[in-house]
């Protein structure tokens, strides 16, 4: 079985505080905000972090 994409999902209680933390960790704002309660950063060609 080949793995083509990886999505790491991190549950948080305060999206804005978490988003600020990940902005600083990754050095940029999220690549995608599909809704107010989600932020996504593309960290590799096939890997994402979703908060």
PDB file of N, CA and C in Angstrom:
ATOM      1  N   UNK A   1       0.842  -1.174   0.000  1.00  0.00           N
ATOM      2  CA  UNK A   1       0.000   0.000   0.000  1.00  0.00           C
ATOM      3  C   UNK A   1       0.892   1.245   0.000  1.00  0.00           C
ATOM      4  N   UNK A   2       0.702   2.095  -0.962  1.00  0.00           N
ATOM      5  CA  UNK A   2       1.453   3.350  -1.044  1.00  0.00           C
ATOM      6  C   UNK A   2       0.672   4.467  -0.363  1.00  0.00           C
ATOM      7  N   UNK A   3       1.375   5.304   0.356  1.00  0.00           N
ATOM      8  CA  UNK A   3       0.751   6.472   0.983  1.00  0.00           C
ATOM      9  C   UNK A   3       1.070   7.682   0.114  1.00  0.00           C
ATOM     10  N   UNK A   4       0.019   8.328  -0.393  1.00  0.00           N
ATOM     11  CA  UNK A   4       0.197   9.464  -1.290  1.00  0.00           C
ATOM     12  C   UNK A   4       0.170  10.811  -0.575  1.00  0.00           C
ATOM     13  N   UNK A   5      -0.643  10.933   0.470  1.00  0.00           N
ATOM     14  CA  UNK A   5      -0.776  12.194   1.205  1.00  0.00           C
ATOM     15  C   UNK A   5      -0.922  11.912   2.693  1.00  0.00           C
ATOM     16  N   UNK A   6      -0.438  12.848   3.511  1.00  0.00           N
ATOM     17  CA  UNK A   6      -0.576  12.740   4.954  1.00  0.00           C
ATOM     18  C   UNK A   6      -1.186  14.043   5.470  1.00  0.00           C
ATOM     19  N   UNK A   7      -2.209  13.920   6.315  1.00  0.00           N
ATOM     20  CA  UNK A   7      -2.838  15.068   6.964  1.00  0.00           C
ATOM     21  C   UNK A   7      -2.778  14.832   8.461  1.00  0.00           C
ATOM     22  N   UNK A   8      -1.974  15.653   9.152  1.00  0.00           N
ATOM     23  CA  UNK A   8      -1.877  15.558  10.611  1.00  0.00           C
ATOM     24  C   UNK A   8      -2.898  16.534  11.200  1.00  0.00           C
ATOM     25  N   UNK A   9      -3.831  16.033  11.988  1.00  0.00           N
ATOM     26  CA  UNK A   9      -4.895  16.847  12.573  1.00  0.00           C
ATOM     27  C   UNK A   9      -4.623  17.035  14.058  1.00  0.00           C
ATOM     28  N   UNK A  10      -4.625  18.285  14.501  1.00  0.00           N
ATOM     29  CA  UNK A  10      -4.377  18.616  15.896  1.00  0.00           C
ATOM     30  C   UNK A  10      -5.597  19.343  16.438  1.00  0.00           C
ATOM     31  N   UNK A  11      -6.257  18.752  17.429  1.00  0.00           N
ATOM     32  CA  UNK A  11      -7.426  19.380  18.052  1.00  0.00           C
ATOM     33  C   UNK A  11      -6.964  20.402  19.089  1.00  0.00           C
ATOM     34  N   UNK A  12      -7.597  21.566  19.075  1.00  0.00           N
ATOM     35  CA  UNK A  12      -7.262  22.627  20.029  1.00  0.00           C
ATOM     36  C   UNK A  12      -8.550  23.232  20.577  1.00  0.00           C
ATOM     37  N   UNK A  13      -8.452  23.867  21.734  1.00  0.00           N
ATOM     38  CA  UNK A  13      -9.639  24.499  22.321  1.00  0.00           C
ATOM     39  C   UNK A  13      -9.750  25.970  21.941  1.00  0.00           C
ATOM     40  N   UNK A  14      -8.642  26.587  21.501  1.00  0.00           N
ATOM     41  CA  UNK A  14      -8.651  28.002  21.124  1.00  0.00           C
ATOM     42  C   UNK A  14      -7.949  28.143  19.776  1.00  0.00           C
ATOM     43  N   UNK A  15      -8.725  28.194  18.696  1.00  0.00           N
ATOM     44  CA  UNK A  15      -8.163  28.203  17.345  1.00  0.00           C
ATOM     45  C   UNK A  15      -7.276  29.422  17.100  1.00  0.00           C
ATOM     46  N   UNK A  16      -7.662  30.581  17.605  1.00  0.00           N
ATOM     47  CA  UNK A  16      -6.864  31.782  17.344  1.00  0.00           C
ATOM     48  C   UNK A  16      -5.522  31.729  18.057  1.00  0.00           C
ATOM     49  N   UNK A  17      -5.487  31.277  19.291  1.00  0.00           N
ATOM     50  CA  UNK A  17      -4.219  31.133  20.007  1.00  0.00           C
ATOM     51  C   UNK A  17      -3.349  30.084  19.319  1.00  0.00           C
ATOM     52  N   UNK A  18      -3.946  28.969  18.925  1.00  0.00           N
ATOM     53  CA  UNK A  18      -3.203  27.909  18.244  1.00  0.00           C
ATOM     54  C   UNK A  18      -2.702  28.385  16.891  1.00  0.00           C
ATOM     55  N   UNK A  19      -3.527  29.114  16.174  1.00  0.00           N
ATOM     56  CA  UNK A  19      -3.114  29.613  14.868  1.00  0.00           C
ATOM     57  C   UNK A  19      -1.904  30.525  15.009  1.00  0.00           C
ATOM     58  N   UNK A  20      -1.908  31.402  15.996  1.00  0.00           N
ATOM     59  CA  UNK A  20      -0.755  32.268  16.229  1.00  0.00           C
ATOM     60  C   UNK A  20       0.500  31.473  16.528  1.00  0.00           C
ATOM     61  N   UNK A  21       0.354  30.428  17.328  1.00  0.00           N
ATOM     62  CA  UNK A  21       1.494  29.586  17.685  1.00  0.00           C
ATOM     63  C   UNK A  21       2.057  28.896  16.448  1.00  0.00           C
ATOM     64  N   UNK A  22       1.178  28.321  15.608  1.00  0.00           N
ATOM     65  CA  UNK A  22       1.628  27.643  14.394  1.00  0.00           C
ATOM     66  C   UNK A  22       2.153  28.634  13.356  1.00  0.00           C
ATOM     67  N   UNK A  23       1.584  29.837  13.301  1.00  0.00           N
ATOM     68  CA  UNK A  23       2.129  30.879  12.421  1.00  0.00           C
ATOM     69  C   UNK A  23       3.598  31.124  12.762  1.00  0.00           C
ATOM     70  N   UNK A  24       3.892  31.261  14.044  1.00  0.00           N
ATOM     71  CA  UNK A  24       5.272  31.509  14.478  1.00  0.00           C
ATOM     72  C   UNK A  24       6.146  30.272  14.244  1.00  0.00           C
ATOM     73  N   UNK A  25       5.622  29.083  14.569  1.00  0.00           N
ATOM     74  CA  UNK A  25       6.400  27.851  14.383  1.00  0.00           C
ATOM     75  C   UNK A  25       6.774  27.642  12.916  1.00  0.00           C
ATOM     76  N   UNK A  26       5.820  27.825  12.024  1.00  0.00           N
ATOM     77  CA  UNK A  26       6.039  27.556  10.608  1.00  0.00           C
ATOM     78  C   UNK A  26       6.493  28.787   9.831  1.00  0.00           C
ATOM     79  N   UNK A  27       6.481  29.944  10.477  1.00  0.00           N
ATOM     80  CA  UNK A  27       7.005  31.154   9.851  1.00  0.00           C
ATOM     81  C   UNK A  27       6.093  31.810   8.844  1.00  0.00           C
ATOM     82  N   UNK A  28       4.806  31.478   8.883  1.00  0.00           N
ATOM     83  CA  UNK A  28       3.870  32.057   7.913  1.00  0.00           C
ATOM     84  C   UNK A  28       2.433  31.759   8.326  1.00  0.00           C
ATOM     85  N   UNK A  29       1.500  32.499   7.777  1.00  0.00           N
ATOM     86  CA  UNK A  29       0.090  32.220   8.068  1.00  0.00           C
ATOM     87  C   UNK A  29      -0.349  30.926   7.373  1.00  0.00           C
ATOM     88  N   UNK A  30      -1.526  30.414   7.722  1.00  0.00           N
ATOM     89  CA  UNK A  30      -1.992  29.175   7.105  1.00  0.00           C
ATOM     90  C   UNK A  30      -2.183  29.322   5.597  1.00  0.00           C
ATOM     91  N   UNK A  31      -2.011  28.226   4.905  1.00  0.00           N
ATOM     92  CA  UNK A  31      -2.238  28.201   3.462  1.00  0.00           C
ATOM     93  C   UNK A  31      -3.725  28.149   3.129  1.00  0.00           C
ATOM     94  N   UNK A  32      -4.504  27.684   4.064  1.00  0.00           N
ATOM     95  CA  UNK A  32      -5.927  27.498   3.807  1.00  0.00           C
ATOM     96  C   UNK A  32      -6.707  27.702   5.103  1.00  0.00           C
ATOM     97  N   UNK A  33      -7.836  28.385   5.015  1.00  0.00           N
ATOM     98  CA  UNK A  33      -8.777  28.540   6.135  1.00  0.00           C
ATOM     99  C   UNK A  33     -10.158  28.140   5.615  1.00  0.00           C
ATOM    100  N   UNK A  34     -10.428  26.835   5.494  1.00  0.00           N
ATOM    101  CA  UNK A  34     -11.691  26.392   4.902  1.00  0.00           C
ATOM    102  C   UNK A  34     -12.923  26.833   5.690  1.00  0.00           C
ATOM    103  N   UNK A  35     -12.765  27.085   6.986  1.00  0.00           N
ATOM    104  CA  UNK A  35     -13.817  27.670   7.812  1.00  0.00           C
ATOM    105  C   UNK A  35     -13.172  28.272   9.043  1.00  0.00           C
ATOM    106  N   UNK A  36     -13.924  29.063   9.792  1.00  0.00           N
ATOM    107  CA  UNK A  36     -13.359  29.798  10.918  1.00  0.00           C
ATOM    108  C   UNK A  36     -12.677  28.906  11.953  1.00  0.00           C
ATOM    109  N   UNK A  37     -13.128  27.680  12.086  1.00  0.00           N
ATOM    110  CA  UNK A  37     -12.585  26.784  13.110  1.00  0.00           C
ATOM    111  C   UNK A  37     -11.457  25.883  12.594  1.00  0.00           C
ATOM    112  N   UNK A  38     -10.934  26.141  11.390  1.00  0.00           N
ATOM    113  CA  UNK A  38      -9.850  25.328  10.821  1.00  0.00           C
ATOM    114  C   UNK A  38      -8.765  26.207  10.222  1.00  0.00           C
ATOM    115  N   UNK A  39      -7.526  25.766  10.378  1.00  0.00           N
ATOM    116  CA  UNK A  39      -6.382  26.383   9.708  1.00  0.00           C
ATOM    117  C   UNK A  39      -5.506  25.249   9.198  1.00  0.00           C
ATOM    118  N   UNK A  40      -4.987  25.396   7.981  1.00  0.00           N
ATOM    119  CA  UNK A  40      -4.181  24.337   7.375  1.00  0.00           C
ATOM    120  C   UNK A  40      -2.898  24.917   6.785  1.00  0.00           C
ATOM    121  N   UNK A  41      -1.799  24.229   7.055  1.00  0.00           N
ATOM    122  CA  UNK A  41      -0.500  24.601   6.501  1.00  0.00           C
ATOM    123  C   UNK A  41       0.029  23.434   5.679  1.00  0.00           C
ATOM    124  N   UNK A  42       0.471  23.719   4.481  1.00  0.00           N
ATOM    125  CA  UNK A  42       1.129  22.697   3.665  1.00  0.00           C
ATOM    126  C   UNK A  42       2.594  22.691   4.069  1.00  0.00           C
ATOM    127  N   UNK A  43       3.074  21.559   4.574  1.00  0.00           N
ATOM    128  CA  UNK A  43       4.449  21.486   5.071  1.00  0.00           C
ATOM    129  C   UNK A  43       5.387  20.720   4.140  1.00  0.00           C
ATOM    130  N   UNK A  44       4.820  19.928   3.236  1.00  0.00           N
ATOM    131  CA  UNK A  44       5.588  19.259   2.178  1.00  0.00           C
ATOM    132  C   UNK A  44       4.682  19.197   0.955  1.00  0.00           C
ATOM    133  N   UNK A  45       5.181  18.671  -0.132  1.00  0.00           N
ATOM    134  CA  UNK A  45       4.337  18.540  -1.332  1.00  0.00           C
ATOM    135  C   UNK A  45       3.095  17.709  -1.060  1.00  0.00           C
ATOM    136  N   UNK A  46       3.203  16.737  -0.167  1.00  0.00           N
ATOM    137  CA  UNK A  46       2.062  15.842   0.093  1.00  0.00           C
ATOM    138  C   UNK A  46       1.674  15.759   1.562  1.00  0.00           C
ATOM    139  N   UNK A  47       2.118  16.723   2.363  1.00  0.00           N
ATOM    140  CA  UNK A  47       1.821  16.680   3.798  1.00  0.00           C
ATOM    141  C   UNK A  47       1.269  18.004   4.303  1.00  0.00           C
ATOM    142  N   UNK A  48       0.210  17.905   5.093  1.00  0.00           N
ATOM    143  CA  UNK A  48      -0.451  19.076   5.663  1.00  0.00           C
ATOM    144  C   UNK A  48      -0.603  18.924   7.180  1.00  0.00           C
ATOM    145  N   UNK A  49      -0.611  20.072   7.872  1.00  0.00           N
ATOM    146  CA  UNK A  49      -0.964  20.130   9.276  1.00  0.00           C
ATOM    147  C   UNK A  49      -2.283  20.898   9.358  1.00  0.00           C
ATOM    148  N   UNK A  50      -3.260  20.303  10.026  1.00  0.00           N
ATOM    149  CA  UNK A  50      -4.575  20.938  10.168  1.00  0.00           C
ATOM    150  C   UNK A  50      -4.850  21.148  11.648  1.00  0.00           C
ATOM    151  N   UNK A  51      -5.181  22.389  11.999  1.00  0.00           N
ATOM    152  CA  UNK A  51      -5.479  22.750  13.391  1.00  0.00           C
ATOM    153  C   UNK A  51      -6.918  23.219  13.451  1.00  0.00           C
TER     154      UNK A  51
END
